Amino acid sequence: MRRAVHMPATLGVIAGEYKPLYRAWATDLSLNGVGLLTEHDVPINTFLHVNLEAKAGEELLMPIRICYVSKLLGMTYRIGGTFSFSQPNDRNPLLF
């Protein structure tokens, strides 16, 4: 089940500290992942972290694997990311 959200987010990597690479707009959340809109064609199977700070009120980095990318309009892409936690219980309860 997905829950609609409307909030800014960033996609980035952790290299010592979090380095944002892409601005995004989160459109939906589920227990398994997140839907995003971006202006970048992010490669499928890329592992990134999505920062959902707007939801949590503080930096909230969630590891994701890009599962699909679909071009919508011009330079707008719909991205689906599956959470990729090391442990099933690593999901942050702030999301739900």
C-alpha atoms as a PDB file:
ATOM      1  CA  MET A   1       0.000   0.000   0.000  1.00  0.00           C
ATOM      2  CA  ARG A   2       1.311   3.429  -0.923  1.00  0.00           C
ATOM      3  CA  ARG A   3       0.727   6.677   0.901  1.00  0.00           C
ATOM      4  CA  ALA A   4       0.661   9.866  -1.125  1.00  0.00           C
ATOM      5  CA  VAL A   5       3.124  12.523   0.004  1.00  0.00           C
ATOM      6  CA  HIS A   6       4.181  15.826  -1.499  1.00  0.00           C
ATOM      7  CA  MET A   7       7.593  16.940  -0.290  1.00  0.00           C
ATOM      8  CA  PRO A   8      11.059  17.879  -1.458  1.00  0.00           C
ATOM      9  CA  ALA A   9      13.815  15.296  -1.182  1.00  0.00           C
ATOM     10  CA  THR A  10      17.368  14.793  -2.369  1.00  0.00           C
ATOM     11  CA  LEU A  11      19.163  11.761  -3.753  1.00  0.00           C
ATOM     12  CA  GLY A  12      22.810  11.342  -2.909  1.00  0.00           C
ATOM     13  CA  VAL A  13      25.651   9.162  -1.739  1.00  0.00           C
ATOM     14  CA  ILE A  14      27.431   8.711   1.540  1.00  0.00           C
ATOM     15  CA  ALA A  15      31.144   9.303   1.162  1.00  0.00           C
ATOM     16  CA  GLY A  16      32.177   9.970   4.734  1.00  0.00           C
ATOM     17  CA  GLU A  17      29.139  12.231   4.959  1.00  0.00           C
ATOM     18  CA  TYR A  18      25.987  12.644   2.872  1.00  0.00           C
ATOM     19  CA  LYS A  19      26.614  14.274  -0.533  1.00  0.00           C
ATOM     20  CA  PRO A  20      23.401  15.272  -2.353  1.00  0.00           C
ATOM     21  CA  LEU A  21      23.534  14.649  -6.113  1.00  0.00           C
ATOM     22  CA  TYR A  22      19.978  15.265  -7.349  1.00  0.00           C
ATOM     23  CA  ARG A  23      17.004  17.297  -6.196  1.00  0.00           C
ATOM     24  CA  ALA A  24      13.750  15.365  -6.202  1.00  0.00           C
ATOM     25  CA  TRP A  25      10.101  15.548  -5.220  1.00  0.00           C
ATOM     26  CA  ALA A  26       8.718  12.598  -3.253  1.00  0.00           C
ATOM     27  CA  THR A  27       5.228  11.616  -4.411  1.00  0.00           C
ATOM     28  CA  ASP A  28       4.523   8.417  -2.492  1.00  0.00           C
ATOM     29  CA  LEU A  29       5.897   6.173   0.242  1.00  0.00           C
ATOM     30  CA  SER A  30       5.325   2.549   1.093  1.00  0.00           C
ATOM     31  CA  LEU A  31       6.951   0.057   3.424  1.00  0.00           C
ATOM     32  CA  ASN A  32       9.071  -1.091   0.491  1.00  0.00           C
ATOM     33  CA  GLY A  33      10.073   2.114  -1.245  1.00  0.00           C
ATOM     34  CA  VAL A  34       9.514   5.621  -2.484  1.00  0.00           C
ATOM     35  CA  GLY A  35       8.288   7.273  -5.677  1.00  0.00           C
ATOM     36  CA  LEU A  36      10.100  10.392  -6.837  1.00  0.00           C
ATOM     37  CA  LEU A  37      10.096  12.983  -9.603  1.00  0.00           C
ATOM     38  CA  THR A  38      13.454  14.370 -10.765  1.00  0.00           C
ATOM     39  CA  GLU A  39      15.002  16.309 -13.611  1.00  0.00           C
ATOM     40  CA  HIS A  40      17.657  13.603 -14.035  1.00  0.00           C
ATOM     41  CA  ASP A  41      17.667  10.228 -15.743  1.00  0.00           C
ATOM     42  CA  VAL A  42      19.160   8.195 -12.893  1.00  0.00           C
ATOM     43  CA  PRO A  43      20.444   4.765 -13.995  1.00  0.00           C
ATOM     44  CA  ILE A  44      18.428   1.724 -12.954  1.00  0.00           C
ATOM     45  CA  ASN A  45      20.049  -0.452 -10.235  1.00  0.00           C
ATOM     46  CA  THR A  46      21.957   2.514  -8.828  1.00  0.00           C
ATOM     47  CA  PHE A  47      22.240   2.462  -5.034  1.00  0.00           C
ATOM     48  CA  LEU A  48      21.661   5.889  -3.476  1.00  0.00           C
ATOM     49  CA  HIS A  49      20.327   7.436  -0.297  1.00  0.00           C
ATOM     50  CA  VAL A  50      17.175   9.514  -0.314  1.00  0.00           C
ATOM     51  CA  ASN A  51      16.987  12.273   2.289  1.00  0.00           C
ATOM     52  CA  LEU A  52      13.420  12.641   3.532  1.00  0.00           C
ATOM     53  CA  GLU A  53      14.184  15.529   5.867  1.00  0.00           C
ATOM     54  CA  ALA A  54      10.927  17.309   5.003  1.00  0.00           C
ATOM     55  CA  LYS A  55       9.006  14.324   6.431  1.00  0.00           C
ATOM     56  CA  ALA A  56      11.091  13.816   9.567  1.00  0.00           C
ATOM     57  CA  GLY A  57      12.027  17.407  10.459  1.00  0.00           C
ATOM     58  CA  GLU A  58      15.694  16.366  10.503  1.00  0.00           C
ATOM     59  CA  GLU A  59      18.041  14.558   8.133  1.00  0.00           C
ATOM     60  CA  LEU A  60      16.557  11.125   7.391  1.00  0.00           C
ATOM     61  CA  LEU A  61      18.720   9.090   5.005  1.00  0.00           C
ATOM     62  CA  MET A  62      17.119   5.972   3.575  1.00  0.00           C
ATOM     63  CA  PRO A  63      19.119   3.599   1.341  1.00  0.00           C
ATOM     64  CA  ILE A  64      17.387   2.807  -1.962  1.00  0.00           C
ATOM     65  CA  ARG A  65      18.001   0.938  -5.184  1.00  0.00           C
ATOM     66  CA  ILE A  66      16.577   2.591  -8.296  1.00  0.00           C
ATOM     67  CA  CYS A  67      14.088   0.052  -9.726  1.00  0.00           C
ATOM     68  CA  TYR A  68      12.580   1.964 -12.585  1.00  0.00           C
ATOM     69  CA  VAL A  69      12.848   5.258 -14.411  1.00  0.00           C
ATOM     70  CA  SER A  70      10.214   6.581 -16.761  1.00  0.00           C
ATOM     71  CA  LYS A  71      10.455   9.827 -18.731  1.00  0.00           C
ATOM     72  CA  LEU A  72       7.285  11.866 -18.260  1.00  0.00           C
ATOM     73  CA  LEU A  73       7.734  15.275 -19.903  1.00  0.00           C
ATOM     74  CA  GLY A  74      10.796  17.003 -21.330  1.00  0.00           C
ATOM     75  CA  MET A  75      13.272  16.711 -18.495  1.00  0.00           C
ATOM     76  CA  THR A  76      10.964  15.164 -15.882  1.00  0.00           C
ATOM     77  CA  TYR A  77      11.470  11.559 -14.799  1.00  0.00           C
ATOM     78  CA  ARG A  78       9.420   9.316 -12.530  1.00  0.00           C
ATOM     79  CA  ILE A  79      11.730   7.187 -10.380  1.00  0.00           C
ATOM     80  CA  GLY A  80      10.844   4.201  -8.244  1.00  0.00           C
ATOM     81  CA  GLY A  81      13.251   3.310  -5.474  1.00  0.00           C
ATOM     82  CA  THR A  82      13.132   0.184  -3.332  1.00  0.00           C
ATOM     83  CA  PHE A  83      14.472   0.537   0.190  1.00  0.00           C
ATOM     84  CA  SER A  84      17.588  -1.601   0.615  1.00  0.00           C
ATOM     85  CA  PHE A  85      18.124  -2.052   4.328  1.00  0.00           C
ATOM     86  CA  SER A  86      20.737  -4.420   5.730  1.00  0.00           C
ATOM     87  CA  GLN A  87      18.205  -5.593   8.318  1.00  0.00           C
ATOM     88  CA  PRO A  88      14.415  -5.718   7.877  1.00  0.00           C
ATOM     89  CA  ASN A  89      13.920  -3.772  11.126  1.00  0.00           C
ATOM     90  CA  ASP A  90      16.038  -0.823   9.934  1.00  0.00           C
ATOM     91  CA  ARG A  91      12.984   0.973   8.502  1.00  0.00           C
ATOM     92  CA  ASN A  92      12.545   4.298  10.233  1.00  0.00           C
ATOM     93  CA  PRO A  93       9.203   4.442  12.091  1.00  0.00           C
ATOM     94  CA  LEU A  94       8.947   8.167  11.280  1.00  0.00           C
ATOM     95  CA  LEU A  95       7.955   7.224   7.744  1.00  0.00           C
ATOM     96  CA  PHE A  96       4.790   5.455   8.782  1.00  0.00           C
END
